[in-house]
PDB file of N, CA and C in Angstrom:
ATOM      1  N   MET A   1     -36.335 -25.720  61.676  1.00  0.00           N
ATOM      2  CA  MET A   1     -35.171 -25.623  60.822  1.00  0.00           C
ATOM      3  C   MET A   1     -34.856 -26.990  60.222  1.00  0.00           C
ATOM      4  N   GLY A   2     -34.453 -26.985  59.005  1.00  0.00           N
ATOM      5  CA  GLY A   2     -34.147 -28.228  58.306  1.00  0.00           C
ATOM      6  C   GLY A   2     -32.649 -28.455  58.228  1.00  0.00           C
ATOM      7  N   ILE A   3     -32.235 -29.019  57.147  1.00  0.00           N
ATOM      8  CA  ILE A   3     -30.842 -29.373  56.920  1.00  0.00           C
ATOM      9  C   ILE A   3     -30.040 -28.101  56.627  1.00  0.00           C
ATOM     10  N   GLY A   4     -29.018 -27.833  57.422  1.00  0.00           N
ATOM     11  CA  GLY A   4     -28.136 -26.695  57.170  1.00  0.00           C
ATOM     12  C   GLY A   4     -28.848 -25.358  57.184  1.00  0.00           C
ATOM     13  N   GLY A   5     -29.910 -25.240  57.939  1.00  0.00           N
ATOM     14  CA  GLY A   5     -30.629 -23.975  58.015  1.00  0.00           C
ATOM     15  C   GLY A   5     -31.657 -23.776  56.905  1.00  0.00           C
ATOM     16  N   ILE A   6     -31.857 -24.782  56.072  1.00  0.00           N
ATOM     17  CA  ILE A   6     -32.845 -24.691  54.997  1.00  0.00           C
ATOM     18  C   ILE A   6     -34.115 -25.378  55.493  1.00  0.00           C
ATOM     19  N   GLY A   7     -35.201 -24.679  55.429  1.00  0.00           N
ATOM     20  CA  GLY A   7     -36.471 -25.225  55.888  1.00  0.00           C
ATOM     21  C   GLY A   7     -37.159 -26.042  54.819  1.00  0.00           C
ATOM     22  N   ILE A   8     -38.269 -26.652  55.207  1.00  0.00           N
ATOM     23  CA  ILE A   8     -39.025 -27.507  54.286  1.00  0.00           C
ATOM     24  C   ILE A   8     -39.579 -26.704  53.119  1.00  0.00           C
ATOM     25  N   TRP A   9     -39.997 -25.471  53.367  1.00  0.00           N
ATOM     26  CA  TRP A   9     -40.571 -24.665  52.284  1.00  0.00           C
ATOM     27  C   TRP A   9     -39.525 -24.295  51.247  1.00  0.00           C
ATOM     28  N   GLN A  10     -38.309 -24.015  51.676  1.00  0.00           N
ATOM     29  CA  GLN A  10     -37.242 -23.720  50.712  1.00  0.00           C
ATOM     30  C   GLN A  10     -36.930 -24.958  49.861  1.00  0.00           C
ATOM     31  N   LEU A  11     -36.923 -26.130  50.483  1.00  0.00           N
ATOM     32  CA  LEU A  11     -36.682 -27.363  49.730  1.00  0.00           C
ATOM     33  C   LEU A  11     -37.783 -27.629  48.709  1.00  0.00           C
ATOM     34  N   ILE A  12     -39.031 -27.352  49.081  1.00  0.00           N
ATOM     35  CA  ILE A  12     -40.152 -27.538  48.157  1.00  0.00           C
ATOM     36  C   ILE A  12     -40.033 -26.577  46.982  1.00  0.00           C
ATOM     37  N   ILE A  13     -39.678 -25.331  47.241  1.00  0.00           N
ATOM     38  CA  ILE A  13     -39.516 -24.351  46.157  1.00  0.00           C
ATOM     39  C   ILE A  13     -38.394 -24.774  45.220  1.00  0.00           C
ATOM     40  N   ILE A  14     -37.272 -25.235  45.765  1.00  0.00           N
ATOM     41  CA  ILE A  14     -36.152 -25.694  44.934  1.00  0.00           C
ATOM     42  C   ILE A  14     -36.583 -26.898  44.102  1.00  0.00           C
ATOM     43  N   LEU A  15     -37.318 -27.824  44.696  1.00  0.00           N
ATOM     44  CA  LEU A  15     -37.801 -28.998  43.969  1.00  0.00           C
ATOM     45  C   LEU A  15     -38.718 -28.609  42.820  1.00  0.00           C
ATOM     46  N   VAL A  16     -39.624 -27.663  43.057  1.00  0.00           N
ATOM     47  CA  VAL A  16     -40.539 -27.204  42.002  1.00  0.00           C
ATOM     48  C   VAL A  16     -39.759 -26.552  40.861  1.00  0.00           C
ATOM     49  N   ILE A  17     -38.761 -25.754  41.186  1.00  0.00           N
ATOM     50  CA  ILE A  17     -37.956 -25.101  40.140  1.00  0.00           C
ATOM     51  C   ILE A  17     -37.191 -26.135  39.329  1.00  0.00           C
ATOM     52  N   VAL A  18     -36.613 -27.126  39.987  1.00  0.00           N
ATOM     53  CA  VAL A  18     -35.864 -28.170  39.272  1.00  0.00           C
ATOM     54  C   VAL A  18     -36.789 -28.954  38.347  1.00  0.00           C
ATOM     55  N   VAL A  19     -37.988 -29.295  38.828  1.00  0.00           N
ATOM     56  CA  VAL A  19     -38.947 -30.025  37.990  1.00  0.00           C
ATOM     57  C   VAL A  19     -39.366 -29.169  36.803  1.00  0.00           C
ATOM     58  N   MET A  20     -39.567 -27.890  37.013  1.00  0.00           N
ATOM     59  CA  MET A  20     -39.958 -27.012  35.901  1.00  0.00           C
ATOM     60  C   MET A  20     -38.834 -26.880  34.880  1.00  0.00           C
ATOM     61  N   LEU A  21     -37.591 -26.853  35.319  1.00  0.00           N
ATOM     62  CA  LEU A  21     -36.467 -26.696  34.391  1.00  0.00           C
ATOM     63  C   LEU A  21     -36.209 -27.962  33.582  1.00  0.00           C
ATOM     64  N   PHE A  22     -36.198 -29.110  34.250  1.00  0.00           N
ATOM     65  CA  PHE A  22     -35.793 -30.334  33.572  1.00  0.00           C
ATOM     66  C   PHE A  22     -36.951 -31.225  33.149  1.00  0.00           C
ATOM     67  N   GLY A  23     -38.053 -31.154  33.800  1.00  0.00           N
ATOM     68  CA  GLY A  23     -39.176 -32.032  33.482  1.00  0.00           C
ATOM     69  C   GLY A  23     -39.047 -33.365  34.193  1.00  0.00           C
ATOM     70  N   THR A  24     -40.186 -34.002  34.406  1.00  0.00           N
ATOM     71  CA  THR A  24     -40.180 -35.250  35.171  1.00  0.00           C
ATOM     72  C   THR A  24     -39.540 -36.404  34.406  1.00  0.00           C
ATOM     73  N   LYS A  25     -39.708 -36.430  33.075  1.00  0.00           N
ATOM     74  CA  LYS A  25     -39.142 -37.535  32.296  1.00  0.00           C
ATOM     75  C   LYS A  25     -37.618 -37.514  32.355  1.00  0.00           C
ATOM     76  N   LYS A  26     -37.025 -36.345  32.201  1.00  0.00           N
ATOM     77  CA  LYS A  26     -35.571 -36.244  32.234  1.00  0.00           C
ATOM     78  C   LYS A  26     -35.043 -36.557  33.638  1.00  0.00           C
ATOM     79  N   LEU A  27     -35.767 -36.122  34.669  1.00  0.00           N
ATOM     80  CA  LEU A  27     -35.347 -36.419  36.035  1.00  0.00           C
ATOM     81  C   LEU A  27     -35.447 -37.915  36.328  1.00  0.00           C
ATOM     82  N   ARG A  28     -36.496 -38.568  35.814  1.00  0.00           N
ATOM     83  CA  ARG A  28     -36.654 -40.010  35.999  1.00  0.00           C
ATOM     84  C   ARG A  28     -35.511 -40.754  35.302  1.00  0.00           C
ATOM     85  N   THR A  29     -35.167 -40.318  34.097  1.00  0.00           N
ATOM     86  CA  THR A  29     -34.067 -40.934  33.360  1.00  0.00           C
ATOM     87  C   THR A  29     -32.750 -40.732  34.101  1.00  0.00           C
ATOM     88  N   LEU A  30     -32.557 -39.531  34.608  1.00  0.00           N
ATOM     89  CA  LEU A  30     -31.343 -39.239  35.367  1.00  0.00           C
ATOM     90  C   LEU A  30     -31.260 -40.110  36.612  1.00  0.00           C
ATOM     91  N   GLY A  31     -32.373 -40.295  37.295  1.00  0.00           N
ATOM     92  CA  GLY A  31     -32.403 -41.133  38.489  1.00  0.00           C
ATOM     93  C   GLY A  31     -32.106 -42.589  38.181  1.00  0.00           C
ATOM     94  N   SER A  32     -32.663 -43.100  37.100  1.00  0.00           N
ATOM     95  CA  SER A  32     -32.403 -44.500  36.749  1.00  0.00           C
ATOM     96  C   SER A  32     -30.958 -44.693  36.297  1.00  0.00           C
ATOM     97  N   ASP A  33     -30.405 -43.710  35.587  1.00  0.00           N
ATOM     98  CA  ASP A  33     -29.000 -43.789  35.187  1.00  0.00           C
ATOM     99  C   ASP A  33     -28.077 -43.776  36.408  1.00  0.00           C
ATOM    100  N   LEU A  34     -28.395 -42.919  37.351  1.00  0.00           N
ATOM    101  CA  LEU A  34     -27.605 -42.850  38.577  1.00  0.00           C
ATOM    102  C   LEU A  34     -27.707 -44.154  39.364  1.00  0.00           C
ATOM    103  N   GLY A  35     -28.899 -44.715  39.448  1.00  0.00           N
ATOM    104  CA  GLY A  35     -29.092 -45.994  40.124  1.00  0.00           C
ATOM    105  C   GLY A  35     -28.326 -47.117  39.455  1.00  0.00           C
ATOM    106  N   GLY A  36     -28.340 -47.135  38.127  1.00  0.00           N
ATOM    107  CA  GLY A  36     -27.593 -48.154  37.388  1.00  0.00           C
ATOM    108  C   GLY A  36     -26.095 -48.021  37.602  1.00  0.00           C
ATOM    109  N   ALA A  37     -25.619 -46.786  37.654  1.00  0.00           N
ATOM    110  CA  ALA A  37     -24.197 -46.560  37.880  1.00  0.00           C
ATOM    111  C   ALA A  37     -23.798 -47.029  39.278  1.00  0.00           C
ATOM    112  N   LEU A  38     -24.620 -46.749  40.269  1.00  0.00           N
ATOM    113  CA  LEU A  38     -24.321 -47.197  41.629  1.00  0.00           C
ATOM    114  C   LEU A  38     -24.349 -48.718  41.739  1.00  0.00           C
ATOM    115  N   LYS A  39     -25.310 -49.336  41.051  1.00  0.00           N
ATOM    116  CA  LYS A  39     -25.402 -50.794  41.068  1.00  0.00           C
ATOM    117  C   LYS A  39     -24.163 -51.408  40.416  1.00  0.00           C
ATOM    118  N   GLY A  40     -23.727 -50.836  39.297  1.00  0.00           N
ATOM    119  CA  GLY A  40     -22.516 -51.313  38.637  1.00  0.00           C
ATOM    120  C   GLY A  40     -21.285 -51.148  39.508  1.00  0.00           C
ATOM    121  N   PHE A  41     -21.215 -50.038  40.213  1.00  0.00           N
ATOM    122  CA  PHE A  41     -20.088 -49.783  41.109  1.00  0.00           C
ATOM    123  C   PHE A  41     -20.053 -50.805  42.235  1.00  0.00           C
ATOM    124  N   LYS A  42     -21.223 -51.077  42.837  1.00  0.00           N
ATOM    125  CA  LYS A  42     -21.284 -52.059  43.920  1.00  0.00           C
ATOM    126  C   LYS A  42     -20.878 -53.438  43.423  1.00  0.00           C
ATOM    127  N   THR A  43     -21.349 -53.804  42.234  1.00  0.00           N
ATOM    128  CA  THR A  43     -21.004 -55.104  41.661  1.00  0.00           C
ATOM    129  C   THR A  43     -19.500 -55.202  41.421  1.00  0.00           C
ATOM    130  N   ALA A  44     -18.912 -54.137  40.896  1.00  0.00           N
ATOM    131  CA  ALA A  44     -17.473 -54.134  40.641  1.00  0.00           C
ATOM    132  C   ALA A  44     -16.688 -54.244  41.942  1.00  0.00           C
ATOM    133  N   MET A  45     -17.157 -53.585  42.980  1.00  0.00           N
ATOM    134  CA  MET A  45     -16.473 -53.657  44.272  1.00  0.00           C
ATOM    135  C   MET A  45     -16.554 -55.072  44.843  1.00  0.00           C
ATOM    136  N   LYS A  46     -17.728 -55.723  44.721  1.00  0.00           N
ATOM    137  CA  LYS A  46     -17.864 -57.094  45.218  1.00  0.00           C
ATOM    138  C   LYS A  46     -16.967 -58.038  44.430  1.00  0.00           C
ATOM    139  N   ASP A  47     -16.920 -57.870  43.100  1.00  0.00           N
ATOM    140  CA  ASP A  47     -16.075 -58.716  42.266  1.00  0.00           C
ATOM    141  C   ASP A  47     -14.604 -58.520  42.627  1.00  0.00           C
ATOM    142  N   ASP A  48     -14.211 -57.280  42.879  1.00  0.00           N
ATOM    143  CA  ASP A  48     -12.828 -56.979  43.230  1.00  0.00           C
ATOM    144  C   ASP A  48     -12.469 -57.589  44.580  1.00  0.00           C
ATOM    145  N   ASP A  49     -13.389 -57.499  45.537  1.00  0.00           N
ATOM    146  CA  ASP A  49     -13.147 -58.099  46.846  1.00  0.00           C
ATOM    147  C   ASP A  49     -13.035 -59.617  46.735  1.00  0.00           C
ATOM    148  N   ALA A  50     -13.885 -60.221  45.917  1.00  0.00           N
ATOM    149  CA  ALA A  50     -13.834 -61.668  45.722  1.00  0.00           C
ATOM    150  C   ALA A  50     -12.517 -62.070  45.066  1.00  0.00           C
ATOM    151  N   LYS A  51     -12.071 -61.283  44.102  1.00  0.00           N
ATOM    152  CA  LYS A  51     -10.808 -61.560  43.415  1.00  0.00           C
ATOM    153  C   LYS A  51      -9.643 -61.444  44.386  1.00  0.00           C
ATOM    154  N   ASP A  52      -9.682 -60.398  45.239  1.00  0.00           N
ATOM    155  CA  ASP A  52      -8.620 -60.222  46.224  1.00  0.00           C
ATOM    156  C   ASP A  52      -8.573 -61.388  47.197  1.00  0.00           C
ATOM    157  N   SER A  53      -9.724 -61.854  47.648  1.00  0.00           N
ATOM    158  CA  SER A  53      -9.735 -62.980  48.592  1.00  0.00           C
ATOM    159  C   SER A  53      -9.258 -64.259  47.903  1.00  0.00           C
ATOM    160  N   ASP A  54      -9.609 -64.433  46.617  1.00  0.00           N
ATOM    161  CA  ASP A  54      -9.125 -65.598  45.875  1.00  0.00           C
ATOM    162  C   ASP A  54      -7.609 -65.519  45.714  1.00  0.00           C
ATOM    163  N   ASP A  55      -7.088 -64.321  45.415  1.00  0.00           N
ATOM    164  CA  ASP A  55      -5.648 -64.135  45.276  1.00  0.00           C
ATOM    165  C   ASP A  55      -4.941 -64.420  46.595  1.00  0.00           C
ATOM    166  N   ASP A  56      -5.545 -64.001  47.708  1.00  0.00           N
ATOM    167  CA  ASP A  56      -4.955 -64.264  49.018  1.00  0.00           C
ATOM    168  C   ASP A  56      -4.910 -65.751  49.310  1.00  0.00           C
ATOM    169  N   GLU A  57      -5.985 -66.469  48.963  1.00  0.00           N
ATOM    170  CA  GLU A  57      -6.015 -67.910  49.190  1.00  0.00           C
ATOM    171  C   GLU A  57      -4.957 -68.611  48.357  1.00  0.00           C
ATOM    172  N   VAL A  58      -4.767 -68.181  47.115  1.00  0.00           N
ATOM    173  CA  VAL A  58      -3.757 -68.772  46.239  1.00  0.00           C
ATOM    174  C   VAL A  58      -2.370 -68.499  46.801  1.00  0.00           C
ATOM    175  N   ALA A  59      -2.143 -67.280  47.286  1.00  0.00           N
ATOM    176  CA  ALA A  59      -0.834 -66.936  47.841  1.00  0.00           C
ATOM    177  C   ALA A  59      -0.538 -67.769  49.085  1.00  0.00           C
ATOM    178  N   VAL A  60      -1.519 -67.949  49.938  1.00  0.00           N
ATOM    179  CA  VAL A  60      -1.328 -68.758  51.145  1.00  0.00           C
ATOM    180  C   VAL A  60      -1.025 -70.200  50.761  1.00  0.00           C
ATOM    181  N   LYS A  61      -1.722 -70.718  49.763  1.00  0.00           N
ATOM    182  CA  LYS A  61      -1.491 -72.091  49.327  1.00  0.00           C
ATOM    183  C   LYS A  61      -0.084 -72.249  48.750  1.00  0.00           C
ATOM    184  N   LYS A  62       0.373 -71.245  47.987  1.00  0.00           N
ATOM    185  CA  LYS A  62       1.723 -71.315  47.419  1.00  0.00           C
ATOM    186  C   LYS A  62       2.775 -71.310  48.521  1.00  0.00           C
ATOM    187  N   VAL A  63       2.571 -70.465  49.531  1.00  0.00           N
ATOM    188  CA  VAL A  63       3.527 -70.416  50.638  1.00  0.00           C
ATOM    189  C   VAL A  63       3.536 -71.749  51.378  1.00  0.00           C
ATOM    190  N   ALA A  64       2.359 -72.311  51.601  1.00  0.00           N
ATOM    191  CA  ALA A  64       2.273 -73.594  52.292  1.00  0.00           C
ATOM    192  C   ALA A  64       2.952 -74.687  51.469  1.00  0.00           C
ATOM    193  N   ASP A  65       2.735 -74.684  50.168  1.00  0.00           N
ATOM    194  CA  ASP A  65       3.364 -75.678  49.296  1.00  0.00           C
ATOM    195  C   ASP A  65       4.880 -75.521  49.297  1.00  0.00           C
ATOM    196  N   SER A  66       5.362 -74.295  49.257  1.00  0.00           N
ATOM    197  CA  SER A  66       6.804 -74.074  49.205  1.00  0.00           C
ATOM    198  C   SER A  66       7.465 -74.478  50.521  1.00  0.00           C
ATOM    199  N   THR A  67       6.808 -74.229  51.649  1.00  0.00           N
ATOM    200  CA  THR A  67       7.392 -74.650  52.931  1.00  0.00           C
ATOM    201  C   THR A  67       7.382 -76.167  53.054  1.00  0.00           C
ATOM    202  N   THR A  68       6.355 -76.819  52.511  1.00  0.00           N
ATOM    203  CA  THR A  68       6.301 -78.280  52.519  1.00  0.00           C
ATOM    204  C   THR A  68       7.423 -78.853  51.670  1.00  0.00           C
ATOM    205  N   MET A  69       7.652 -78.250  50.519  1.00  0.00           N
ATOM    206  CA  MET A  69       8.713 -78.728  49.624  1.00  0.00           C
ATOM    207  C   MET A  69      10.076 -78.530  50.275  1.00  0.00           C
ATOM    208  N   LYS A  70      10.272 -77.399  50.956  1.00  0.00           N
ATOM    209  CA  LYS A  70      11.552 -77.142  51.622  1.00  0.00           C
ATOM    210  C   LYS A  70      11.803 -78.159  52.722  1.00  0.00           C
ATOM    211  N   SER A  71      10.748 -78.476  53.488  1.00  0.00           N
ATOM    212  CA  SER A  71      10.931 -79.446  54.574  1.00  0.00           C
ATOM    213  C   SER A  71      11.181 -80.839  54.021  1.00  0.00           C
ATOM    214  N   GLU A  72      10.566 -81.179  52.883  1.00  0.00           N
ATOM    215  CA  GLU A  72      10.816 -82.480  52.273  1.00  0.00           C
ATOM    216  C   GLU A  72      12.247 -82.574  51.759  1.00  0.00           C
ATOM    217  N   LYS A  73      12.757 -81.470  51.190  1.00  0.00           N
ATOM    218  CA  LYS A  73      14.130 -81.464  50.692  1.00  0.00           C
ATOM    219  C   LYS A  73      15.112 -81.595  51.840  1.00  0.00           C
ATOM    220  N   SER A  74      14.832 -80.938  52.950  1.00  0.00           N
ATOM    221  CA  SER A  74      15.743 -81.034  54.092  1.00  0.00           C
ATOM    222  C   SER A  74      15.696 -82.435  54.693  1.00  0.00           C
ATOM    223  N   ASP A  75      14.530 -83.095  54.632  1.00  0.00           N
ATOM    224  CA  ASP A  75      14.435 -84.479  55.112  1.00  0.00           C
ATOM    225  C   ASP A  75      15.239 -85.419  54.232  1.00  0.00           C
ATOM    226  N   ASP A  76      15.231 -85.154  52.911  1.00  0.00           N
ATOM    227  CA  ASP A  76      15.989 -85.999  51.984  1.00  0.00           C
ATOM    228  C   ASP A  76      17.485 -85.876  52.216  1.00  0.00           C
ATOM    229  N   LYS A  77      17.959 -84.699  52.576  1.00  0.00           N
ATOM    230  CA  LYS A  77      19.386 -84.465  52.790  1.00  0.00           C
ATOM    231  C   LYS A  77      19.861 -85.104  54.093  1.00  0.00           C
ATOM    232  N   ALA A  78      18.956 -85.240  55.041  1.00  0.00           N
ATOM    233  CA  ALA A  78      19.366 -85.756  56.357  1.00  0.00           C
ATOM    234  C   ALA A  78      19.501 -87.233  56.396  1.00  0.00           C
TER     235      ALA A  78
END
């Protein structure tokens, strides 16, 4: 038994029917388009994660700067 009760022979028959309907050239084009879309998605996710980490670093630096400024102002008043 294969995946979900489908055996290897059923998968081969489905594959042959799909190739006969669409042809190998169209399937190859579809595969490369799908691969390109996945690659673009991964790149966008990495860029977004990098942007988020950069934003977090900037926010931490701003908080650190503001606390330093507050402590300097309180030192000046004392």
